[in-house]
Amino acid sequence: MTAPESFPEDLYQTLADFQQTHLLAWWDELNERERSELLAQIQRINFAQIQRLYTPDPSAKSEESPAQKAERATRPATVVRLEDRKSAPTESEKATAQGNQLLAAGRVGAILVAGGQGSRLGFSHPKGMYPIGPVKQTSLFQILVEQLRARARQAGQPISYFIMTSDATHEETVEYFQQHQNFGLSSDDLYFFKQGTMPAVDAESGQILLEQKHYIAVSPDGHGGMLAALKNNGM
């Protein structure tokens, strides 16, 4: 098979190698702008990663449901519990002492994952804007920033705050902080960045899904993509 008109031959071969040529099913019907948008999306996809995440496990039972396959693909890490604090000195106490040293040296930052909406709370804004203060209806964002500032004062050093948003929450979150003067946090210590996305994939076939003829369906890549998002945003 050969690449459709004006589509790069080498990239088409990549699609063929990973059984994803269906992404070009409507290519001939697209205008120039739509072709450019679809091409740009395809060029950003790590097809090897997609295949690695969704290739069926040979040891898995063939009657697995899509939900079971998804759970297996995202199985959580083993829980590591803290020791009994009655014994001394415990590993947790050693870690606390080391953490305090790093705070005092100004070598600690904090990350807040804030890509979610408050829809399950009946709140049509970013979840961090939800008023949870019992008296003053203080927002979750404000409470978290005030806790961070208090810890920075104790340490005598600023703590940089990295807030990971999503396409759904970014603009409103940034505007909310600006309206409230960052709740007293210096703008030099505050960074906003968007979490990444990954193509939506059919759990049965492993094929990437199209949302529109010229647009690949995507979903946030979750907390696991945080470090990559930091790197991609130059942080």
Protein backbone atom coordinates (compact mmCIF):
# COMPACT_ATOMS: atom_id res chain seq x y z
CA MET A 1 0.00 0.00 0.00
CA THR A 2 1.14 3.53 -0.70
CA ALA A 3 0.54 6.74 1.20
CA PRO A 4 -2.44 8.92 0.26
CA GLU A 5 -1.83 12.12 -1.66
CA SER A 6 0.34 14.67 0.23
CA PHE A 7 0.86 12.36 3.22
CA PRO A 8 4.51 11.57 4.12
CA GLU A 9 5.51 8.12 2.91
CA ASP A 10 7.70 7.33 5.93
CA LEU A 11 4.97 8.29 8.38
CA TYR A 12 2.46 6.18 6.47
CA GLN A 13 4.83 3.23 6.83
CA THR A 14 4.86 3.82 10.58
CA LEU A 15 1.06 3.74 10.62
CA ALA A 16 1.13 0.50 8.66
CA ASP A 17 3.70 -1.07 11.00
CA PHE A 18 1.45 -0.37 14.00
CA GLN A 19 -1.85 -1.21 12.25
CA GLN A 20 -3.15 2.36 12.49
CA THR A 21 -3.72 3.27 8.83
CA HIS A 22 -7.45 3.61 9.53
CA LEU A 23 -6.63 7.09 10.86
CA LEU A 24 -6.44 8.18 7.22
CA ALA A 25 -9.79 6.70 6.21
CA TRP A 26 -11.21 10.16 5.46
CA TRP A 27 -8.01 11.79 4.19
CA ASP A 28 -9.28 12.35 0.66
CA GLU A 29 -12.32 14.23 2.00
CA LEU A 30 -10.33 16.65 4.17
CA ASN A 31 -9.42 20.19 3.20
CA GLU A 32 -5.88 21.53 3.56
CA ARG A 33 -6.38 22.86 7.10
CA GLU A 34 -7.93 19.61 8.32
CA ARG A 35 -5.13 17.57 6.77
CA SER A 36 -2.54 19.74 8.51
CA GLU A 37 -4.26 19.29 11.88
CA LEU A 38 -4.51 15.52 11.54
CA LEU A 39 -0.93 15.22 10.30
CA ALA A 40 0.35 17.26 13.26
CA GLN A 41 -1.52 15.01 15.70
CA ILE A 42 -0.19 11.83 14.11
CA GLN A 43 3.39 13.16 14.18
CA ARG A 44 3.15 13.67 17.95
CA ILE A 45 2.02 10.12 18.75
CA ASN A 46 4.43 7.63 20.27
CA PHE A 47 3.06 4.54 18.52
CA ALA A 48 5.53 2.19 20.20
CA GLN A 49 4.31 3.36 23.60
CA ILE A 50 0.68 2.90 22.60
CA GLN A 51 1.39 -0.62 21.40
CA ARG A 52 3.31 -1.46 24.58
CA LEU A 53 0.44 -0.28 26.78
CA TYR A 54 -2.34 -2.01 24.89
CA THR A 55 -0.83 -5.22 23.50
CA PRO A 56 -2.75 -8.11 25.09
CA ASP A 57 -0.97 -10.03 27.84
CA PRO A 58 -0.45 -13.60 26.55
CA SER A 59 -1.11 -14.94 30.06
CA ALA A 60 -4.46 -13.14 30.31
CA LYS A 61 -7.69 -15.01 29.77
CA SER A 62 -9.32 -14.49 26.39
CA GLU A 63 -12.69 -13.78 28.02
CA GLU A 64 -11.39 -10.62 29.72
CA SER A 65 -13.75 -7.69 29.41
CA PRO A 66 -12.50 -4.28 28.16
CA ALA A 67 -12.75 -3.00 31.74
CA GLN A 68 -10.56 -5.84 33.01
CA LYS A 69 -8.00 -5.17 30.29
CA ALA A 70 -7.91 -1.48 31.19
CA GLU A 71 -7.44 -2.32 34.87
CA ARG A 72 -4.60 -4.71 34.06
CA ALA A 73 -2.89 -2.06 31.94
CA THR A 74 -2.98 0.46 34.78
CA ARG A 75 -2.43 -1.78 37.80
CA PRO A 76 -1.28 0.36 40.76
CA ALA A 77 2.04 -0.03 42.49
CA THR A 78 2.39 -1.96 45.74
CA VAL A 79 1.48 0.04 48.84
CA VAL A 80 4.43 0.81 51.13
CA ARG A 81 3.29 1.50 54.68
CA LEU A 82 5.11 3.62 57.26
CA GLU A 83 6.62 1.82 60.23
CA ASP A 84 5.17 1.92 63.71
CA ARG A 85 6.13 5.36 65.02
CA LYS A 86 6.61 3.96 68.54
CA SER A 87 9.96 2.49 67.58
CA ALA A 88 12.85 4.96 67.43
CA PRO A 89 14.37 6.18 65.29
CA THR A 90 11.99 5.10 62.55
CA GLU A 91 12.59 5.45 58.85
CA SER A 92 9.80 8.01 58.70
CA GLU A 93 11.52 10.16 61.34
CA LYS A 94 14.77 9.98 59.40
CA ALA A 95 12.92 11.00 56.26
CA THR A 96 11.28 13.91 58.09
CA ALA A 97 14.65 15.15 59.32
CA GLN A 98 16.12 14.90 55.84
CA GLY A 99 13.11 16.71 54.40
CA ASN A 100 13.48 19.55 56.89
CA GLN A 101 17.13 19.92 55.90
CA LEU A 102 16.17 20.17 52.23
CA LEU A 103 13.46 22.72 53.03
CA ALA A 104 15.94 24.85 54.96
CA ALA A 105 18.32 24.68 51.99
CA GLY A 106 15.62 25.88 49.59
CA ARG A 107 15.74 22.68 47.59
CA VAL A 108 12.08 21.67 47.81
CA GLY A 109 9.19 22.37 45.46
CA ALA A 110 5.58 21.22 45.52
CA ILE A 111 3.31 19.99 42.77
CA LEU A 112 -0.48 20.26 42.75
CA VAL A 113 -2.43 18.18 40.25
CA ALA A 114 -5.42 20.35 39.38
CA GLY A 115 -6.75 19.12 36.07
CA GLY A 116 -10.16 18.04 37.31
CA GLN A 117 -13.49 19.79 37.19
CA GLY A 118 -15.85 19.87 40.17
CA SER A 119 -18.70 18.27 38.24
CA ARG A 120 -19.19 15.46 40.77
CA LEU A 121 -19.62 18.15 43.42
CA GLY A 122 -22.25 19.91 41.33
CA PHE A 123 -19.68 22.65 40.65
CA SER A 124 -19.02 23.81 37.08
CA HIS A 125 -15.49 25.13 37.69
CA PRO A 126 -12.05 23.69 38.47
CA LYS A 127 -12.24 21.54 41.58
CA GLY A 128 -9.64 23.69 43.37
CA MET A 129 -12.00 26.65 43.28
CA TYR A 130 -14.62 24.79 45.30
CA PRO A 131 -15.37 26.58 48.61
CA ILE A 132 -14.65 24.14 51.44
CA GLY A 133 -13.91 26.55 54.32
CA PRO A 134 -16.64 26.01 56.98
CA VAL A 135 -16.98 29.72 57.86
CA LYS A 136 -15.41 31.91 55.17
CA GLN A 137 -16.07 29.47 52.32
CA THR A 138 -12.37 29.51 51.51
CA SER A 139 -11.49 27.66 48.32
CA LEU A 140 -9.36 24.55 48.24
CA PHE A 141 -6.74 26.44 46.20
CA GLN A 142 -6.44 29.15 48.86
CA ILE A 143 -6.14 26.66 51.71
CA LEU A 144 -3.40 24.71 49.94
CA VAL A 145 -1.44 27.86 49.06
CA GLU A 146 -1.69 29.16 52.63
CA GLN A 147 -0.40 25.83 53.94
CA LEU A 148 2.52 26.02 51.52
CA ARG A 149 3.34 29.60 52.55
CA ALA A 150 3.23 28.64 56.22
CA ARG A 151 5.68 25.79 55.63
CA ALA A 152 7.96 28.14 53.66
CA ARG A 153 7.97 30.63 56.55
CA GLN A 154 8.93 27.85 58.97
CA ALA A 155 11.78 26.80 56.71
CA GLY A 156 12.91 30.36 56.01
CA GLN A 157 13.02 29.58 52.30
CA PRO A 158 10.50 29.93 49.45
CA ILE A 159 8.87 26.79 48.08
CA SER A 160 8.15 26.78 44.37
CA TYR A 161 4.61 25.68 43.53
CA PHE A 162 3.95 23.85 40.27
CA ILE A 163 0.26 23.53 39.37
CA MET A 164 -0.65 21.00 36.71
CA THR A 165 -3.87 21.92 34.93
CA SER A 166 -5.71 20.49 31.93
CA ASP A 167 -7.28 21.93 28.81
CA ALA A 168 -10.55 22.05 30.75
CA THR A 169 -9.19 23.96 33.75
CA HIS A 170 -6.08 25.90 32.69
CA GLU A 171 -7.41 29.32 31.70
CA GLU A 172 -9.92 29.56 34.54
CA THR A 173 -7.36 28.42 37.12
CA VAL A 174 -4.75 30.96 36.01
CA GLU A 175 -7.34 33.73 35.97
CA TYR A 176 -8.59 32.74 39.43
CA PHE A 177 -5.10 33.01 40.92
CA GLN A 178 -4.54 36.36 39.23
CA GLN A 179 -7.83 37.71 40.59
CA HIS A 180 -6.71 36.77 44.11
CA GLN A 181 -3.10 37.98 43.78
CA ASN A 182 -1.90 34.36 43.95
CA PHE A 183 -3.16 34.25 47.56
CA GLY A 184 0.02 35.99 48.63
CA LEU A 185 2.40 33.64 46.84
CA SER A 186 5.13 35.36 44.83
CA SER A 187 4.69 35.00 41.07
CA ASP A 188 8.38 34.01 40.95
CA ASP A 189 7.48 30.87 42.90
CA LEU A 190 4.32 29.92 40.99
CA TYR A 191 4.25 27.91 37.77
CA PHE A 192 1.29 26.63 35.77
CA PHE A 193 1.57 23.86 33.18
CA LYS A 194 -0.87 21.63 31.35
CA GLN A 195 -0.91 17.88 31.70
CA GLY A 196 -0.34 15.87 28.57
CA THR A 197 -2.78 13.80 26.59
CA MET A 198 -2.75 10.38 24.97
CA PRO A 199 -4.83 9.04 22.10
CA ALA A 200 -7.99 7.19 23.09
CA VAL A 201 -7.67 3.53 22.13
CA ASP A 202 -10.23 0.80 21.55
CA ALA A 203 -9.68 -1.71 24.35
CA GLU A 204 -10.55 -4.66 22.11
CA SER A 205 -8.52 -3.90 18.99
CA GLY A 206 -5.85 -1.49 20.22
CA GLN A 207 -6.77 0.88 17.41
CA ILE A 208 -6.58 4.62 18.01
CA LEU A 209 -9.99 6.29 17.84
CA LEU A 210 -11.05 9.26 15.75
CA GLU A 211 -13.26 11.90 17.34
CA GLN A 212 -13.83 13.57 13.97
CA LYS A 213 -12.68 12.75 10.46
CA HIS A 214 -9.64 14.98 10.96
CA TYR A 215 -9.18 14.79 14.72
CA ILE A 216 -7.90 11.96 16.92
CA ALA A 217 -9.77 11.42 20.19
CA VAL A 218 -7.52 12.14 23.17
CA SER A 219 -7.73 11.85 26.95
CA PRO A 220 -5.54 13.30 29.74
CA ASP A 221 -2.59 11.05 30.53
CA GLY A 222 -3.17 11.41 34.27
CA HIS A 223 -0.74 11.76 37.14
CA GLY A 224 1.64 9.35 35.46
CA GLY A 225 2.37 11.93 32.77
CA MET A 226 3.32 14.64 35.24
CA LEU A 227 7.10 14.41 34.85
CA ALA A 228 6.84 14.36 31.06
CA ALA A 229 4.54 17.40 31.19
CA LEU A 230 7.05 19.28 33.35
CA LYS A 231 9.81 18.50 30.87
CA ASN A 232 7.68 19.40 27.85
CA ASN A 233 6.88 22.76 29.44
CA GLY A 234 10.55 23.54 30.09
CA MET A 235 10.36 23.13 33.86
